[in-house]
């Protein structure tokens, strides 16, 4: 066992130990305060009524949806379905690519060059449709945004001018 003989070293060791103890006590105190606050918030959330959606909001949302998608054969609905389909296919493709990444790492760890080349080639073959799907997502998203903006703008102009022309006709 090592015996500390220097007074300065003993003081330094004692003060640093004391500072470390104070630090951990303060951290534990903060932890208890945060835990208490979190419990109080959870109790207030469970005691309050569940969050509900206002009927007026739902009606406004339905009006906007009817403006954006007037019928199932409209171009905006087809774009929306295309966008959703590409998003779902990218999800499954991402899962498959993650599995391929795992196989590549496995073949590297096991030092199996044959499996490594096979999985890299599969990865390269899958990357072509993956890039196509990513581009299609961006394309469908921009087209959908443009279609929605156009329909909302057209509806706003029509309703504005309808009020203007009706007041103009009454004025004449």
Protein backbone atom coordinates (compact mmCIF):
# COMPACT_ATOMS: atom_id res chain seq x y z
CA UNK A 1 0.00 0.00 0.00
CA UNK A 2 1.24 3.45 -0.92
CA UNK A 3 1.50 5.96 1.95
CA UNK A 4 1.05 9.63 1.09
CA UNK A 5 3.61 11.70 3.01
CA UNK A 6 3.32 15.14 1.44
CA UNK A 7 0.92 17.51 3.19
CA UNK A 8 0.03 19.26 -0.08
CA UNK A 9 -0.89 15.98 -1.71
CA UNK A 10 -3.08 15.02 1.24
CA UNK A 11 -4.88 18.39 1.12
CA UNK A 12 -5.31 18.13 -2.65
CA UNK A 13 -6.69 14.60 -2.39
CA UNK A 14 -9.04 15.52 0.45
CA UNK A 15 -10.34 18.66 -1.26
CA UNK A 16 -10.85 16.93 -4.60
CA UNK A 17 -12.69 14.06 -2.88
CA UNK A 18 -14.84 16.55 -1.02
CA UNK A 19 -15.58 18.44 -4.26
CA UNK A 20 -16.46 15.20 -6.00
CA UNK A 21 -18.85 14.20 -3.20
CA UNK A 22 -20.53 17.63 -3.31
CA UNK A 23 -20.84 17.37 -7.10
CA UNK A 24 -22.54 13.96 -6.93
CA UNK A 25 -24.86 15.10 -4.13
CA UNK A 26 -25.96 18.09 -6.21
CA UNK A 27 -26.51 15.87 -9.26
CA UNK A 28 -28.58 13.47 -7.17
CA UNK A 29 -30.60 16.39 -5.78
CA UNK A 30 -31.29 17.66 -9.34
CA UNK A 31 -32.28 14.14 -10.35
CA UNK A 32 -34.77 13.94 -7.48
CA UNK A 33 -36.25 17.36 -8.34
CA UNK A 34 -36.67 16.42 -12.01
CA UNK A 35 -38.20 13.08 -11.05
CA UNK A 36 -40.66 14.83 -8.75
CA UNK A 37 -41.62 17.31 -11.50
CA UNK A 38 -42.05 14.50 -14.01
CA UNK A 39 -44.32 12.59 -11.62
CA UNK A 40 -46.39 15.72 -11.00
CA UNK A 41 -46.77 16.32 -14.73
CA UNK A 42 -47.80 12.71 -15.31
CA UNK A 43 -50.38 12.97 -12.55
CA UNK A 44 -51.75 16.21 -13.98
CA UNK A 45 -51.97 14.65 -17.44
CA UNK A 46 -53.79 11.57 -16.15
CA UNK A 47 -56.13 13.71 -14.04
CA UNK A 48 -57.01 16.07 -16.89
CA UNK A 49 -59.48 15.18 -19.61
CA UNK A 50 -58.12 13.47 -22.72
CA UNK A 51 -57.18 15.72 -25.62
CA UNK A 52 -60.00 15.96 -28.09
CA UNK A 53 -60.35 17.46 -31.52
CA UNK A 54 -62.85 20.24 -31.96
CA UNK A 55 -65.79 19.61 -34.32
CA UNK A 56 -65.18 22.93 -35.99
CA UNK A 57 -61.59 21.94 -36.74
CA UNK A 58 -62.74 18.66 -38.30
CA UNK A 59 -65.27 20.49 -40.46
CA UNK A 60 -62.62 22.96 -41.64
CA UNK A 61 -60.26 20.08 -42.37
CA UNK A 62 -62.94 18.32 -44.42
CA UNK A 63 -63.58 21.52 -46.40
CA UNK A 64 -59.88 21.84 -47.19
CA UNK A 65 -59.65 18.18 -48.18
CA UNK A 66 -62.65 18.59 -50.49
CA UNK A 67 -60.95 21.60 -52.10
CA UNK A 68 -57.64 19.77 -52.51
CA UNK A 69 -59.07 16.42 -53.60
CA UNK A 70 -62.46 17.00 -55.25
CA UNK A 71 -62.80 13.41 -56.51
CA UNK A 72 -60.86 10.16 -56.46
CA UNK A 73 -59.87 10.44 -60.12
CA UNK A 74 -58.29 13.87 -59.70
CA UNK A 75 -54.63 14.44 -60.44
CA UNK A 76 -53.88 15.50 -56.87
CA UNK A 77 -55.30 12.24 -55.49
CA UNK A 78 -53.21 10.22 -57.92
CA UNK A 79 -50.13 12.22 -56.92
CA UNK A 80 -50.94 11.65 -53.25
CA UNK A 81 -51.25 7.89 -53.78
CA UNK A 82 -47.99 7.89 -55.77
CA UNK A 83 -46.24 9.78 -52.99
CA UNK A 84 -47.55 7.42 -50.30
CA UNK A 85 -46.60 4.36 -52.36
CA UNK A 86 -43.06 5.59 -52.89
CA UNK A 87 -42.70 6.40 -49.19
CA UNK A 88 -43.83 2.91 -48.21
CA UNK A 89 -41.55 1.28 -50.77
CA UNK A 90 -38.61 3.37 -49.53
CA UNK A 91 -39.34 2.17 -46.00
CA UNK A 92 -39.11 -1.48 -47.05
CA UNK A 93 -36.08 -0.71 -49.20
CA UNK A 94 -34.35 0.97 -46.24
CA UNK A 95 -34.97 -2.12 -44.13
CA UNK A 96 -33.53 -4.32 -46.87
CA UNK A 97 -30.49 -2.05 -47.25
CA UNK A 98 -29.92 -2.14 -43.49
CA UNK A 99 -29.98 -5.94 -43.66
CA UNK A 100 -27.47 -5.82 -46.52
CA UNK A 101 -25.25 -3.49 -44.47
CA UNK A 102 -25.31 -6.02 -41.68
CA UNK A 103 -24.39 -8.81 -44.10
CA UNK A 104 -21.51 -6.73 -45.46
CA UNK A 105 -20.17 -6.11 -41.97
CA UNK A 106 -20.62 -9.78 -41.11
CA UNK A 107 -18.65 -10.88 -44.15
CA UNK A 108 -15.91 -8.39 -43.29
CA UNK A 109 -15.68 -9.59 -39.70
CA UNK A 110 -15.64 -13.24 -40.77
CA UNK A 111 -13.09 -12.42 -43.48
CA UNK A 112 -15.17 -14.04 -46.17
CA UNK A 113 -14.33 -12.28 -49.46
CA UNK A 114 -16.80 -14.30 -51.50
CA UNK A 115 -19.79 -13.22 -49.37
CA UNK A 116 -18.42 -9.68 -49.23
CA UNK A 117 -18.29 -9.37 -53.03
CA UNK A 118 -21.73 -10.96 -53.34
CA UNK A 119 -23.36 -8.60 -50.83
CA UNK A 120 -21.58 -5.56 -52.28
CA UNK A 121 -22.83 -6.46 -55.76
CA UNK A 122 -26.38 -6.90 -54.43
CA UNK A 123 -26.02 -3.57 -52.64
CA UNK A 124 -24.95 -1.88 -55.87
CA UNK A 125 -27.85 -3.44 -57.76
CA UNK A 126 -30.33 -2.28 -55.10
CA UNK A 127 -28.90 1.24 -55.05
CA UNK A 128 -30.20 1.94 -58.57
CA UNK A 129 -33.91 1.51 -57.69
CA UNK A 130 -33.27 3.20 -54.35
CA UNK A 131 -32.00 6.35 -56.04
CA UNK A 132 -34.93 6.21 -58.46
CA UNK A 133 -37.39 5.94 -55.56
CA UNK A 134 -35.75 8.84 -53.72
CA UNK A 135 -35.98 10.99 -56.83
CA UNK A 136 -39.59 9.95 -57.36
CA UNK A 137 -40.41 10.93 -53.77
CA UNK A 138 -38.96 14.40 -54.29
CA UNK A 139 -40.74 14.74 -57.63
CA UNK A 140 -44.12 13.61 -56.29
CA UNK A 141 -43.73 15.85 -53.25
CA UNK A 142 -43.02 18.95 -55.33
CA UNK A 143 -45.81 18.18 -57.80
CA UNK A 144 -48.25 17.53 -54.97
CA UNK A 145 -47.30 20.79 -53.24
CA UNK A 146 -47.74 22.68 -56.50
CA UNK A 147 -51.13 21.05 -57.16
CA UNK A 148 -52.36 21.79 -53.64
CA UNK A 149 -51.14 25.39 -53.77
CA UNK A 150 -52.77 25.91 -57.16
CA UNK A 151 -56.11 24.52 -56.01
CA UNK A 152 -56.12 26.56 -52.80
CA UNK A 153 -55.16 29.73 -54.68
CA UNK A 154 -57.80 29.11 -57.34
CA UNK A 155 -60.44 28.54 -54.66
CA UNK A 156 -59.43 31.71 -52.80
CA UNK A 157 -59.54 33.79 -55.99
CA UNK A 158 -62.91 32.36 -57.01
CA UNK A 159 -64.47 33.00 -53.62
CA UNK A 160 -62.95 36.51 -53.47
CA UNK A 161 -64.09 37.48 -56.95
CA UNK A 162 -67.49 35.90 -56.44
CA UNK A 163 -68.05 38.26 -53.49
CA UNK A 164 -66.59 41.19 -55.46
CA UNK A 165 -68.74 40.58 -58.54
CA UNK A 166 -71.90 40.05 -56.54
CA UNK A 167 -71.36 43.34 -54.67
CA UNK A 168 -70.50 45.06 -57.98
CA UNK A 169 -73.70 43.79 -59.59
CA UNK A 170 -75.72 44.98 -56.59
CA UNK A 171 -74.02 48.35 -56.81
CA UNK A 172 -74.91 48.81 -60.50
